[in-house]
Amino acid sequence: MTMQAAASGEPSIGIIIAALIGSIPILGIMAWTAVKILGPVGQAIAHRARGGDAGTPLLVQRVDQLSDDVEQLRAQLAETHERLEFTERLLAQGRSIDQLPKG
């Protein structure tokens, strides 16, 4: 570093080169992270731009299966609800033990 460069506050070429070399690993990590994060997103955007479908066949099949499962659970819940109402009506009648049939 010359006296004139030191007096003016400008960094020397050696300091600039050292800073650039020191920043290479940081830039590499940032680039790798961008590729890992934006890679799948970029692929999905490109797929949509090419007119691709909304989901993969496996995903569509899985959604259909889950929809069927939900409908089956709704039917079972409705049946359970009917049984509960029936049981509540029986209990509300308040039969005593001697009124119940022997058997």
PDB file of N, CA and C in Angstrom:
ATOM      1  N   MET A   1       0.849  -1.150   0.000  1.00  0.00           N
ATOM      2  CA  MET A   1       0.000   0.000   0.000  1.00  0.00           C
ATOM      3  C   MET A   1       0.905   1.226   0.000  1.00  0.00           C
ATOM      4  N   THR A   2       0.601   2.134  -0.872  1.00  0.00           N
ATOM      5  CA  THR A   2       1.423   3.337  -0.946  1.00  0.00           C
ATOM      6  C   THR A   2       0.936   4.331   0.077  1.00  0.00           C
ATOM      7  N   MET A   3       1.777   5.280   0.358  1.00  0.00           N
ATOM      8  CA  MET A   3       1.419   6.302   1.337  1.00  0.00           C
ATOM      9  C   MET A   3       0.243   7.133   0.839  1.00  0.00           C
ATOM     10  N   GLN A   4       0.215   7.334  -0.473  1.00  0.00           N
ATOM     11  CA  GLN A   4      -0.842   8.150  -1.041  1.00  0.00           C
ATOM     12  C   GLN A   4      -2.190   7.418  -0.936  1.00  0.00           C
ATOM     13  N   ALA A   5      -2.222   6.067  -1.196  1.00  0.00           N
ATOM     14  CA  ALA A   5      -3.453   5.287  -1.113  1.00  0.00           C
ATOM     15  C   ALA A   5      -3.933   5.202   0.325  1.00  0.00           C
ATOM     16  N   ALA A   6      -2.993   5.063   1.255  1.00  0.00           N
ATOM     17  CA  ALA A   6      -3.369   4.988   2.657  1.00  0.00           C
ATOM     18  C   ALA A   6      -3.934   6.311   3.134  1.00  0.00           C
ATOM     19  N   ALA A   7      -3.391   7.395   2.630  1.00  0.00           N
ATOM     20  CA  ALA A   7      -3.860   8.711   3.057  1.00  0.00           C
ATOM     21  C   ALA A   7      -5.245   9.017   2.494  1.00  0.00           C
ATOM     22  N   SER A   8      -5.535   8.526   1.297  1.00  0.00           N
ATOM     23  CA  SER A   8      -6.832   8.830   0.693  1.00  0.00           C
ATOM     24  C   SER A   8      -7.930   7.892   1.181  1.00  0.00           C
ATOM     25  N   GLY A   9      -7.595   6.825   1.893  1.00  0.00           N
ATOM     26  CA  GLY A   9      -8.595   5.905   2.424  1.00  0.00           C
ATOM     27  C   GLY A   9      -9.037   4.841   1.440  1.00  0.00           C
ATOM     28  N   GLU A  10      -8.417   4.764   0.273  1.00  0.00           N
ATOM     29  CA  GLU A  10      -8.762   3.759  -0.715  1.00  0.00           C
ATOM     30  C   GLU A  10      -8.031   2.457  -0.395  1.00  0.00           C
ATOM     31  N   PRO A  11      -8.721   1.312  -0.529  1.00  0.00           N
ATOM     32  CA  PRO A  11      -8.048   0.036  -0.269  1.00  0.00           C
ATOM     33  C   PRO A  11      -7.088  -0.308  -1.402  1.00  0.00           C
ATOM     34  N   SER A  12      -6.090  -1.055  -1.062  1.00  0.00           N
ATOM     35  CA  SER A  12      -5.119  -1.454  -2.075  1.00  0.00           C
ATOM     36  C   SER A  12      -5.659  -2.645  -2.859  1.00  0.00           C
ATOM     37  N   ILE A  13      -4.984  -2.943  -3.964  1.00  0.00           N
ATOM     38  CA  ILE A  13      -5.377  -4.073  -4.813  1.00  0.00           C
ATOM     39  C   ILE A  13      -5.293  -5.374  -4.032  1.00  0.00           C
ATOM     40  N   GLY A  14      -4.294  -5.515  -3.189  1.00  0.00           N
ATOM     41  CA  GLY A  14      -4.141  -6.738  -2.391  1.00  0.00           C
ATOM     42  C   GLY A  14      -5.311  -6.968  -1.463  1.00  0.00           C
ATOM     43  N   ILE A  15      -5.814  -5.925  -0.842  1.00  0.00           N
ATOM     44  CA  ILE A  15      -6.963  -6.052   0.057  1.00  0.00           C
ATOM     45  C   ILE A  15      -8.222  -6.395  -0.724  1.00  0.00           C
ATOM     46  N   ILE A  16      -8.385  -5.817  -1.885  1.00  0.00           N
ATOM     47  CA  ILE A  16      -9.550  -6.113  -2.727  1.00  0.00           C
ATOM     48  C   ILE A  16      -9.531  -7.569  -3.161  1.00  0.00           C
ATOM     49  N   ILE A  17      -8.375  -8.052  -3.595  1.00  0.00           N
ATOM     50  CA  ILE A  17      -8.250  -9.449  -4.030  1.00  0.00           C
ATOM     51  C   ILE A  17      -8.514 -10.388  -2.855  1.00  0.00           C
ATOM     52  N   ALA A  18      -7.968 -10.064  -1.687  1.00  0.00           N
ATOM     53  CA  ALA A  18      -8.192 -10.900  -0.507  1.00  0.00           C
ATOM     54  C   ALA A  18      -9.683 -10.942  -0.154  1.00  0.00           C
ATOM     55  N   ALA A  19     -10.376  -9.824  -0.261  1.00  0.00           N
ATOM     56  CA  ALA A  19     -11.810  -9.785   0.036  1.00  0.00           C
ATOM     57  C   ALA A  19     -12.599 -10.622  -0.966  1.00  0.00           C
ATOM     58  N   LEU A  20     -12.214 -10.549  -2.245  1.00  0.00           N
ATOM     59  CA  LEU A  20     -12.901 -11.345  -3.272  1.00  0.00           C
ATOM     60  C   LEU A  20     -12.680 -12.834  -3.057  1.00  0.00           C
ATOM     61  N   ILE A  21     -11.445 -13.201  -2.742  1.00  0.00           N
ATOM     62  CA  ILE A  21     -11.155 -14.614  -2.507  1.00  0.00           C
ATOM     63  C   ILE A  21     -11.887 -15.103  -1.263  1.00  0.00           C
ATOM     64  N   GLY A  22     -11.972 -14.275  -0.260  1.00  0.00           N
ATOM     65  CA  GLY A  22     -12.690 -14.656   0.955  1.00  0.00           C
ATOM     66  C   GLY A  22     -14.188 -14.772   0.754  1.00  0.00           C
ATOM     67  N   SER A  23     -14.717 -14.081  -0.212  1.00  0.00           N
ATOM     68  CA  SER A  23     -16.166 -14.127  -0.441  1.00  0.00           C
ATOM     69  C   SER A  23     -16.587 -15.278  -1.344  1.00  0.00           C
ATOM     70  N   ILE A  24     -15.656 -15.961  -1.976  1.00  0.00           N
ATOM     71  CA  ILE A  24     -16.002 -17.066  -2.894  1.00  0.00           C
ATOM     72  C   ILE A  24     -16.769 -18.175  -2.170  1.00  0.00           C
ATOM     73  N   PRO A  25     -16.325 -18.650  -1.000  1.00  0.00           N
ATOM     74  CA  PRO A  25     -17.129 -19.701  -0.337  1.00  0.00           C
ATOM     75  C   PRO A  25     -18.535 -19.228   0.032  1.00  0.00           C
ATOM     76  N   ILE A  26     -18.659 -17.982   0.462  1.00  0.00           N
ATOM     77  CA  ILE A  26     -19.972 -17.462   0.830  1.00  0.00           C
ATOM     78  C   ILE A  26     -20.869 -17.391  -0.407  1.00  0.00           C
ATOM     79  N   LEU A  27     -20.331 -16.914  -1.511  1.00  0.00           N
ATOM     80  CA  LEU A  27     -21.109 -16.854  -2.750  1.00  0.00           C
ATOM     81  C   LEU A  27     -21.487 -18.255  -3.229  1.00  0.00           C
ATOM     82  N   GLY A  28     -20.582 -19.200  -3.059  1.00  0.00           N
ATOM     83  CA  GLY A  28     -20.874 -20.589  -3.438  1.00  0.00           C
ATOM     84  C   GLY A  28     -22.011 -21.165  -2.616  1.00  0.00           C
ATOM     85  N   ILE A  29     -21.990 -20.916  -1.321  1.00  0.00           N
ATOM     86  CA  ILE A  29     -23.061 -21.408  -0.453  1.00  0.00           C
ATOM     87  C   ILE A  29     -24.388 -20.759  -0.822  1.00  0.00           C
ATOM     88  N   MET A  30     -24.359 -19.469  -1.104  1.00  0.00           N
ATOM     89  CA  MET A  30     -25.587 -18.779  -1.497  1.00  0.00           C
ATOM     90  C   MET A  30     -26.130 -19.319  -2.817  1.00  0.00           C
ATOM     91  N   ALA A  31     -25.265 -19.587  -3.765  1.00  0.00           N
ATOM     92  CA  ALA A  31     -25.692 -20.126  -5.057  1.00  0.00           C
ATOM     93  C   ALA A  31     -26.272 -21.526  -4.890  1.00  0.00           C
ATOM     94  N   TRP A  32     -25.609 -22.358  -4.090  1.00  0.00           N
ATOM     95  CA  TRP A  32     -26.093 -23.725  -3.854  1.00  0.00           C
ATOM     96  C   TRP A  32     -27.473 -23.686  -3.196  1.00  0.00           C
ATOM     97  N   THR A  33     -27.648 -22.799  -2.216  1.00  0.00           N
ATOM     98  CA  THR A  33     -28.942 -22.670  -1.542  1.00  0.00           C
ATOM     99  C   THR A  33     -30.020 -22.209  -2.513  1.00  0.00           C
ATOM    100  N   ALA A  34     -29.704 -21.269  -3.363  1.00  0.00           N
ATOM    101  CA  ALA A  34     -30.675 -20.780  -4.346  1.00  0.00           C
ATOM    102  C   ALA A  34     -31.095 -21.897  -5.296  1.00  0.00           C
ATOM    103  N   VAL A  35     -30.148 -22.705  -5.725  1.00  0.00           N
ATOM    104  CA  VAL A  35     -30.472 -23.814  -6.629  1.00  0.00           C
ATOM    105  C   VAL A  35     -31.357 -24.830  -5.925  1.00  0.00           C
ATOM    106  N   LYS A  36     -31.045 -25.144  -4.677  1.00  0.00           N
ATOM    107  CA  LYS A  36     -31.830 -26.140  -3.942  1.00  0.00           C
ATOM    108  C   LYS A  36     -33.245 -25.646  -3.656  1.00  0.00           C
ATOM    109  N   ILE A  37     -33.374 -24.367  -3.350  1.00  0.00           N
ATOM    110  CA  ILE A  37     -34.701 -23.836  -3.029  1.00  0.00           C
ATOM    111  C   ILE A  37     -35.494 -23.531  -4.295  1.00  0.00           C
ATOM    112  N   LEU A  38     -34.872 -22.856  -5.220  1.00  0.00           N
ATOM    113  CA  LEU A  38     -35.586 -22.405  -6.404  1.00  0.00           C
ATOM    114  C   LEU A  38     -35.662 -23.467  -7.498  1.00  0.00           C
ATOM    115  N   GLY A  39     -34.864 -24.510  -7.406  1.00  0.00           N
ATOM    116  CA  GLY A  39     -34.887 -25.564  -8.423  1.00  0.00           C
ATOM    117  C   GLY A  39     -36.255 -26.188  -8.592  1.00  0.00           C
ATOM    118  N   PRO A  40     -36.835 -26.768  -7.528  1.00  0.00           N
ATOM    119  CA  PRO A  40     -38.163 -27.371  -7.656  1.00  0.00           C
ATOM    120  C   PRO A  40     -39.241 -26.351  -7.999  1.00  0.00           C
ATOM    121  N   VAL A  41     -39.119 -25.158  -7.442  1.00  0.00           N
ATOM    122  CA  VAL A  41     -40.104 -24.115  -7.744  1.00  0.00           C
ATOM    123  C   VAL A  41     -40.014 -23.729  -9.217  1.00  0.00           C
ATOM    124  N   GLY A  42     -38.787 -23.561  -9.695  1.00  0.00           N
ATOM    125  CA  GLY A  42     -38.595 -23.219 -11.105  1.00  0.00           C
ATOM    126  C   GLY A  42     -39.097 -24.312 -12.035  1.00  0.00           C
ATOM    127  N   GLN A  43     -38.868 -25.566 -11.639  1.00  0.00           N
ATOM    128  CA  GLN A  43     -39.364 -26.677 -12.453  1.00  0.00           C
ATOM    129  C   GLN A  43     -40.892 -26.697 -12.488  1.00  0.00           C
ATOM    130  N   ALA A  44     -41.516 -26.420 -11.348  1.00  0.00           N
ATOM    131  CA  ALA A  44     -42.978 -26.408 -11.306  1.00  0.00           C
ATOM    132  C   ALA A  44     -43.545 -25.274 -12.159  1.00  0.00           C
ATOM    133  N   ILE A  45     -42.912 -24.111 -12.091  1.00  0.00           N
ATOM    134  CA  ILE A  45     -43.363 -22.980 -12.909  1.00  0.00           C
ATOM    135  C   ILE A  45     -43.187 -23.286 -14.387  1.00  0.00           C
ATOM    136  N   ALA A  46     -42.050 -23.883 -14.751  1.00  0.00           N
ATOM    137  CA  ALA A  46     -41.802 -24.243 -16.149  1.00  0.00           C
ATOM    138  C   ALA A  46     -42.817 -25.284 -16.626  1.00  0.00           C
ATOM    139  N   HIS A  47     -43.137 -26.235 -15.766  1.00  0.00           N
ATOM    140  CA  HIS A  47     -44.108 -27.276 -16.124  1.00  0.00           C
ATOM    141  C   HIS A  47     -45.479 -26.654 -16.370  1.00  0.00           C
ATOM    142  N   ARG A  48     -45.880 -25.731 -15.514  1.00  0.00           N
ATOM    143  CA  ARG A  48     -47.158 -25.056 -15.695  1.00  0.00           C
ATOM    144  C   ARG A  48     -47.158 -24.197 -16.955  1.00  0.00           C
ATOM    145  N   ALA A  49     -46.025 -23.524 -17.232  1.00  0.00           N
ATOM    146  CA  ALA A  49     -45.937 -22.655 -18.406  1.00  0.00           C
ATOM    147  C   ALA A  49     -46.034 -23.467 -19.693  1.00  0.00           C
ATOM    148  N   ARG A  50     -45.551 -24.710 -19.662  1.00  0.00           N
ATOM    149  CA  ARG A  50     -45.646 -25.579 -20.834  1.00  0.00           C
ATOM    150  C   ARG A  50     -47.042 -26.176 -20.995  1.00  0.00           C
ATOM    151  N   GLY A  51     -47.932 -25.874 -20.043  1.00  0.00           N
ATOM    152  CA  GLY A  51     -49.300 -26.383 -20.153  1.00  0.00           C
ATOM    153  C   GLY A  51     -49.472 -27.714 -19.477  1.00  0.00           C
ATOM    154  N   GLY A  52     -48.642 -28.009 -18.494  1.00  0.00           N
ATOM    155  CA  GLY A  52     -48.739 -29.273 -17.780  1.00  0.00           C
ATOM    156  C   GLY A  52     -49.990 -29.337 -16.923  1.00  0.00           C
ATOM    157  N   ASP A  53     -50.336 -30.534 -16.511  1.00  0.00           N
ATOM    158  CA  ASP A  53     -51.523 -30.711 -15.690  1.00  0.00           C
ATOM    159  C   ASP A  53     -51.252 -30.216 -14.275  1.00  0.00           C
ATOM    160  N   ALA A  54     -52.320 -30.113 -13.492  1.00  0.00           N
ATOM    161  CA  ALA A  54     -52.221 -29.545 -12.148  1.00  0.00           C
ATOM    162  C   ALA A  54     -51.522 -30.482 -11.176  1.00  0.00           C
ATOM    163  N   GLY A  55     -51.580 -31.759 -11.400  1.00  0.00           N
ATOM    164  CA  GLY A  55     -50.972 -32.697 -10.465  1.00  0.00           C
ATOM    165  C   GLY A  55     -50.525 -33.957 -11.172  1.00  0.00           C
ATOM    166  N   THR A  56     -49.713 -34.706 -10.503  1.00  0.00           N
ATOM    167  CA  THR A  56     -49.247 -35.961 -11.067  1.00  0.00           C
ATOM    168  C   THR A  56     -50.361 -36.993 -10.943  1.00  0.00           C
ATOM    169  N   PRO A  57     -50.328 -38.030 -11.764  1.00  0.00           N
ATOM    170  CA  PRO A  57     -51.373 -39.059 -11.673  1.00  0.00           C
ATOM    171  C   PRO A  57     -51.417 -39.720 -10.300  1.00  0.00           C
ATOM    172  N   LEU A  58     -50.266 -39.904  -9.686  1.00  0.00           N
ATOM    173  CA  LEU A  58     -50.228 -40.512  -8.360  1.00  0.00           C
ATOM    174  C   LEU A  58     -50.911 -39.606  -7.339  1.00  0.00           C
ATOM    175  N   LEU A  59     -50.693 -38.320  -7.458  1.00  0.00           N
ATOM    176  CA  LEU A  59     -51.321 -37.369  -6.548  1.00  0.00           C
ATOM    177  C   LEU A  59     -52.833 -37.337  -6.750  1.00  0.00           C
ATOM    178  N   VAL A  60     -53.269 -37.339  -7.982  1.00  0.00           N
ATOM    179  CA  VAL A  60     -54.704 -37.342  -8.282  1.00  0.00           C
ATOM    180  C   VAL A  60     -55.347 -38.618  -7.746  1.00  0.00           C
ATOM    181  N   GLN A  61     -54.668 -39.737  -7.914  1.00  0.00           N
ATOM    182  CA  GLN A  61     -55.182 -41.013  -7.411  1.00  0.00           C
ATOM    183  C   GLN A  61     -55.290 -40.976  -5.885  1.00  0.00           C
ATOM    184  N   ARG A  62     -54.298 -40.393  -5.235  1.00  0.00           N
ATOM    185  CA  ARG A  62     -54.308 -40.309  -3.767  1.00  0.00           C
ATOM    186  C   ARG A  62     -55.452 -39.407  -3.279  1.00  0.00           C
ATOM    187  N   VAL A  63     -55.688 -38.307  -3.961  1.00  0.00           N
ATOM    188  CA  VAL A  63     -56.775 -37.408  -3.577  1.00  0.00           C
ATOM    189  C   VAL A  63     -58.120 -38.110  -3.754  1.00  0.00           C
ATOM    190  N   ASP A  64     -58.286 -38.851  -4.839  1.00  0.00           N
ATOM    191  CA  ASP A  64     -59.528 -39.599  -5.057  1.00  0.00           C
ATOM    192  C   ASP A  64     -59.745 -40.633  -3.955  1.00  0.00           C
ATOM    193  N   GLN A  65     -58.679 -41.325  -3.564  1.00  0.00           N
ATOM    194  CA  GLN A  65     -58.778 -42.325  -2.502  1.00  0.00           C
ATOM    195  C   GLN A  65     -59.168 -41.666  -1.181  1.00  0.00           C
ATOM    196  N   LEU A  66     -58.559 -40.532  -0.879  1.00  0.00           N
ATOM    197  CA  LEU A  66     -58.896 -39.829   0.361  1.00  0.00           C
ATOM    198  C   LEU A  66     -60.332 -39.312   0.330  1.00  0.00           C
ATOM    199  N   SER A  67     -60.799 -38.881  -0.825  1.00  0.00           N
ATOM    200  CA  SER A  67     -62.180 -38.434  -0.950  1.00  0.00           C
ATOM    201  C   SER A  67     -63.153 -39.583  -0.685  1.00  0.00           C
ATOM    202  N   ASP A  68     -62.840 -40.749  -1.225  1.00  0.00           N
ATOM    203  CA  ASP A  68     -63.679 -41.923  -0.961  1.00  0.00           C
ATOM    204  C   ASP A  68     -63.673 -42.277   0.520  1.00  0.00           C
ATOM    205  N   ASP A  69     -62.509 -42.193   1.154  1.00  0.00           N
ATOM    206  CA  ASP A  69     -62.404 -42.495   2.586  1.00  0.00           C
ATOM    207  C   ASP A  69     -63.240 -41.524   3.410  1.00  0.00           C
ATOM    208  N   VAL A  70     -63.239 -40.261   3.035  1.00  0.00           N
ATOM    209  CA  VAL A  70     -64.020 -39.262   3.762  1.00  0.00           C
ATOM    210  C   VAL A  70     -65.512 -39.559   3.617  1.00  0.00           C
ATOM    211  N   GLU A  71     -65.951 -39.923   2.433  1.00  0.00           N
ATOM    212  CA  GLU A  71     -67.366 -40.257   2.237  1.00  0.00           C
ATOM    213  C   GLU A  71     -67.761 -41.468   3.075  1.00  0.00           C
ATOM    214  N   GLN A  72     -66.894 -42.466   3.138  1.00  0.00           N
ATOM    215  CA  GLN A  72     -67.168 -43.654   3.945  1.00  0.00           C
ATOM    216  C   GLN A  72     -67.246 -43.280   5.432  1.00  0.00           C
ATOM    217  N   LEU A  73     -66.357 -42.438   5.884  1.00  0.00           N
ATOM    218  CA  LEU A  73     -66.383 -42.007   7.283  1.00  0.00           C
ATOM    219  C   LEU A  73     -67.638 -41.193   7.594  1.00  0.00           C
ATOM    220  N   ARG A  74     -68.088 -40.393   6.639  1.00  0.00           N
ATOM    221  CA  ARG A  74     -69.324 -39.635   6.844  1.00  0.00           C
ATOM    222  C   ARG A  74     -70.517 -40.574   7.007  1.00  0.00           C
ATOM    223  N   ALA A  75     -70.568 -41.615   6.195  1.00  0.00           N
ATOM    224  CA  ALA A  75     -71.662 -42.579   6.294  1.00  0.00           C
ATOM    225  C   ALA A  75     -71.626 -43.293   7.644  1.00  0.00           C
ATOM    226  N   GLN A  76     -70.441 -43.687   8.083  1.00  0.00           N
ATOM    227  CA  GLN A  76     -70.307 -44.360   9.377  1.00  0.00           C
ATOM    228  C   GLN A  76     -70.685 -43.417  10.517  1.00  0.00           C
ATOM    229  N   LEU A  77     -70.327 -42.144  10.400  1.00  0.00           N
ATOM    230  CA  LEU A  77     -70.678 -41.173  11.434  1.00  0.00           C
ATOM    231  C   LEU A  77     -72.185 -40.960  11.489  1.00  0.00           C
ATOM    232  N   ALA A  78     -72.837 -40.918  10.345  1.00  0.00           N
ATOM    233  CA  ALA A  78     -74.296 -40.751  10.320  1.00  0.00           C
ATOM    234  C   ALA A  78     -74.974 -41.956  10.973  1.00  0.00           C
ATOM    235  N   GLU A  79     -74.487 -43.153  10.688  1.00  0.00           N
ATOM    236  CA  GLU A  79     -75.054 -44.359  11.298  1.00  0.00           C
ATOM    237  C   GLU A  79     -74.843 -44.350  12.807  1.00  0.00           C
ATOM    238  N   THR A  80     -73.671 -43.948  13.241  1.00  0.00           N
ATOM    239  CA  THR A  80     -73.385 -43.872  14.682  1.00  0.00           C
ATOM    240  C   THR A  80     -74.274 -42.833  15.344  1.00  0.00           C
ATOM    241  N   HIS A  81     -74.514 -41.724  14.667  1.00  0.00           N
ATOM    242  CA  HIS A  81     -75.383 -40.680  15.199  1.00  0.00           C
ATOM    243  C   HIS A  81     -76.818 -41.202  15.373  1.00  0.00           C
ATOM    244  N   GLU A  82     -77.302 -41.954  14.402  1.00  0.00           N
ATOM    245  CA  GLU A  82     -78.653 -42.527  14.498  1.00  0.00           C
ATOM    246  C   GLU A  82     -78.740 -43.487  15.680  1.00  0.00           C
ATOM    247  N   ARG A  83     -77.712 -44.310  15.875  1.00  0.00           N
ATOM    248  CA  ARG A  83     -77.713 -45.253  16.996  1.00  0.00           C
ATOM    249  C   ARG A  83     -77.690 -44.510  18.333  1.00  0.00           C
ATOM    250  N   LEU A  84     -76.940 -43.437  18.394  1.00  0.00           N
ATOM    251  CA  LEU A  84     -76.878 -42.659  19.620  1.00  0.00           C
ATOM    252  C   LEU A  84     -78.230 -42.040  19.937  1.00  0.00           C
ATOM    253  N   GLU A  85     -78.897 -41.490  18.932  1.00  0.00           N
ATOM    254  CA  GLU A  85     -80.230 -40.910  19.155  1.00  0.00           C
ATOM    255  C   GLU A  85     -81.223 -41.972  19.621  1.00  0.00           C
ATOM    256  N   PHE A  86     -81.148 -43.170  19.034  1.00  0.00           N
ATOM    257  CA  PHE A  86     -82.021 -44.257  19.439  1.00  0.00           C
ATOM    258  C   PHE A  86     -81.780 -44.616  20.903  1.00  0.00           C
ATOM    259  N   THR A  87     -80.507 -44.707  21.281  1.00  0.00           N
ATOM    260  CA  THR A  87     -80.160 -45.043  22.662  1.00  0.00           C
ATOM    261  C   THR A  87     -80.623 -43.946  23.612  1.00  0.00           C
ATOM    262  N   GLU A  88     -80.480 -42.696  23.219  1.00  0.00           N
ATOM    263  CA  GLU A  88     -80.942 -41.594  24.064  1.00  0.00           C
ATOM    264  C   GLU A  88     -82.452 -41.630  24.246  1.00  0.00           C
ATOM    265  N   ARG A  89     -83.185 -41.975  23.187  1.00  0.00           N
ATOM    266  CA  ARG A  89     -84.641 -42.069  23.307  1.00  0.00           C
ATOM    267  C   ARG A  89     -85.038 -43.192  24.267  1.00  0.00           C
ATOM    268  N   LEU A  90     -84.342 -44.317  24.180  1.00  0.00           N
ATOM    269  CA  LEU A  90     -84.641 -45.423  25.095  1.00  0.00           C
ATOM    270  C   LEU A  90     -84.363 -45.029  26.536  1.00  0.00           C
ATOM    271  N   LEU A  91     -83.261 -44.365  26.757  1.00  0.00           N
ATOM    272  CA  LEU A  91     -82.922 -43.963  28.123  1.00  0.00           C
ATOM    273  C   LEU A  91     -83.875 -42.890  28.645  1.00  0.00           C
ATOM    274  N   ALA A  92     -84.389 -42.059  27.743  1.00  0.00           N
ATOM    275  CA  ALA A  92     -85.300 -40.990  28.152  1.00  0.00           C
ATOM    276  C   ALA A  92     -86.654 -41.544  28.581  1.00  0.00           C
ATOM    277  N   GLN A  93     -87.013 -42.722  28.113  1.00  0.00           N
ATOM    278  CA  GLN A  93     -88.288 -43.322  28.508  1.00  0.00           C
ATOM    279  C   GLN A  93     -88.282 -43.686  29.989  1.00  0.00           C
ATOM    280  N   GLY A  94     -87.117 -43.914  30.538  1.00  0.00           N
ATOM    281  CA  GLY A  94     -86.976 -44.158  31.969  1.00  0.00           C
ATOM    282  C   GLY A  94     -87.625 -45.425  32.457  1.00  0.00           C
ATOM    283  N   ARG A  95     -87.453 -46.508  31.797  1.00  0.00           N
ATOM    284  CA  ARG A  95     -88.009 -47.789  32.257  1.00  0.00           C
ATOM    285  C   ARG A  95     -87.271 -48.238  33.522  1.00  0.00           C
ATOM    286  N   SER A  96     -87.991 -48.793  34.406  1.00  0.00           N
ATOM    287  CA  SER A  96     -87.356 -49.360  35.597  1.00  0.00           C
ATOM    288  C   SER A  96     -86.972 -50.799  35.309  1.00  0.00           C
ATOM    289  N   ILE A  97     -86.224 -51.384  36.223  1.00  0.00           N
ATOM    290  CA  ILE A  97     -85.721 -52.750  36.009  1.00  0.00           C
ATOM    291  C   ILE A  97     -86.862 -53.753  35.943  1.00  0.00           C
ATOM    292  N   ASP A  98     -87.909 -53.577  36.733  1.00  0.00           N
ATOM    293  CA  ASP A  98     -89.004 -54.543  36.702  1.00  0.00           C
ATOM    294  C   ASP A  98     -89.869 -54.433  35.456  1.00  0.00           C
ATOM    295  N   GLN A  99     -89.726 -53.319  34.695  1.00  0.00           N
ATOM    296  CA  GLN A  99     -90.465 -53.177  33.444  1.00  0.00           C
ATOM    297  C   GLN A  99     -89.756 -53.857  32.281  1.00  0.00           C
ATOM    298  N   LEU A 100     -88.477 -54.131  32.445  1.00  0.00           N
ATOM    299  CA  LEU A 100     -87.740 -54.775  31.351  1.00  0.00           C
ATOM    300  C   LEU A 100     -88.167 -56.229  31.212  1.00  0.00           C
ATOM    301  N   PRO A 101     -88.187 -56.743  29.991  1.00  0.00           N
ATOM    302  CA  PRO A 101     -88.594 -58.134  29.802  1.00  0.00           C
ATOM    303  C   PRO A 101     -87.586 -59.090  30.447  1.00  0.00           C
ATOM    304  N   LYS A 102     -88.102 -60.207  30.966  1.00  0.00           N
ATOM    305  CA  LYS A 102     -87.238 -61.221  31.550  1.00  0.00           C
ATOM    306  C   LYS A 102     -86.606 -62.024  30.441  1.00  0.00           C
ATOM    307  N   GLY A 103     -85.411 -62.443  30.665  1.00  0.00           N
ATOM    308  CA  GLY A 103     -84.844 -63.246  29.610  1.00  0.00           C
ATOM    309  C   GLY A 103     -83.464 -63.439  29.775  1.00  0.00           C
TER     310      GLY A 103
END
